[in-house]
Amino acid sequence: MMAFIPTKCGFSVGDKVTLAREVSAIIGTFEKGTVVTISDIDPYRGYSIKDDLGNEIIECGWELFVEV
C-alpha cells in the first residue's frame, strides 16, 4: 500500500522557531534569537508568535525565523 506524504513548506501552528530578526509592535519587542512558538497563521498577514511567558505579537509577516 502506498501513502501520500505532503511536502512541508513553511511552518505550522505549534512549531518552535528561533527569530532571525527583531520583531516589534506597540506592546513590545522580541529580540533576534528568541525562541517562540507559532500561535496562529493568517493567510494574508502572516504568523503570530508567543514566547513561554505568554507574550504574543500577532500578524508579524512571513520571513521571521529559522526552525529550532
Protein backbone atom coordinates (compact mmCIF):
# COMPACT_ATOMS: atom_id res chain seq x y z
CA MET A 1 0.00 0.00 0.00
CA MET A 2 1.29 3.48 -0.85
CA ALA A 3 0.57 6.68 1.03
CA PHE A 4 0.64 10.36 0.21
CA ILE A 5 3.24 12.34 2.15
CA PRO A 6 2.76 16.10 1.79
CA THR A 7 5.74 18.41 1.40
CA LYS A 8 6.38 20.61 4.43
CA CYS A 9 6.53 24.15 3.16
CA GLY A 10 6.66 26.76 5.84
CA PHE A 11 5.79 26.31 9.49
CA SER A 12 2.71 25.11 11.35
CA VAL A 13 0.87 26.24 14.49
CA GLY A 14 2.74 24.84 17.49
CA ASP A 15 6.19 24.81 15.85
CA LYS A 16 9.02 26.24 17.97
CA VAL A 17 11.24 28.59 15.97
CA THR A 18 14.15 30.98 16.54
CA LEU A 19 13.69 34.58 15.38
CA ALA A 20 16.09 35.56 12.59
CA ARG A 21 15.36 39.25 13.13
CA GLU A 22 13.90 41.60 15.73
CA VAL A 23 10.08 41.71 15.78
CA SER A 24 8.50 44.88 17.20
CA ALA A 25 4.97 46.04 17.91
CA ILE A 26 3.37 48.67 20.15
CA ILE A 27 3.25 46.16 23.01
CA GLY A 28 6.99 45.35 22.91
CA THR A 29 9.85 43.69 21.05
CA PHE A 30 11.09 40.14 20.65
CA GLU A 31 14.86 40.26 20.09
CA LYS A 32 16.67 38.34 17.35
CA GLY A 33 17.50 34.82 18.58
CA THR A 34 14.43 34.49 20.84
CA VAL A 35 12.76 31.07 20.73
CA VAL A 36 9.00 31.45 20.21
CA THR A 37 6.03 29.25 19.30
CA ILE A 38 3.81 29.90 16.30
CA SER A 39 0.34 30.52 17.77
CA ASP A 40 -1.64 31.33 14.60
CA ILE A 41 -1.22 31.77 10.84
CA ASP A 42 -3.20 34.37 8.91
CA PRO A 43 -3.06 33.70 5.15
CA TYR A 44 -2.69 37.42 4.37
CA ARG A 45 -0.84 38.92 7.36
CA GLY A 46 1.49 36.13 8.41
CA TYR A 47 2.47 34.36 11.59
CA SER A 48 1.51 35.18 15.17
CA ILE A 49 4.15 34.24 17.75
CA LYS A 50 4.22 33.71 21.50
CA ASP A 51 7.03 33.13 23.99
CA ASP A 52 7.00 30.81 27.02
CA LEU A 53 5.92 33.70 29.28
CA GLY A 54 2.75 34.33 27.25
CA ASN A 55 3.95 37.48 25.46
CA GLU A 56 2.43 37.50 21.97
CA ILE A 57 2.71 39.54 18.79
CA ILE A 58 0.15 38.79 16.10
CA GLU A 59 0.31 39.00 12.31
CA CYS A 60 4.04 39.75 12.01
CA GLY A 61 4.66 38.75 8.43
CA TRP A 62 6.22 35.72 6.82
CA GLU A 63 10.04 35.80 6.86
CA LEU A 64 10.83 35.85 10.56
CA PHE A 65 12.63 32.78 11.73
CA VAL A 66 14.55 29.57 11.35
CA GLU A 67 13.49 26.16 12.62
CA VAL A 68 14.69 25.10 16.11
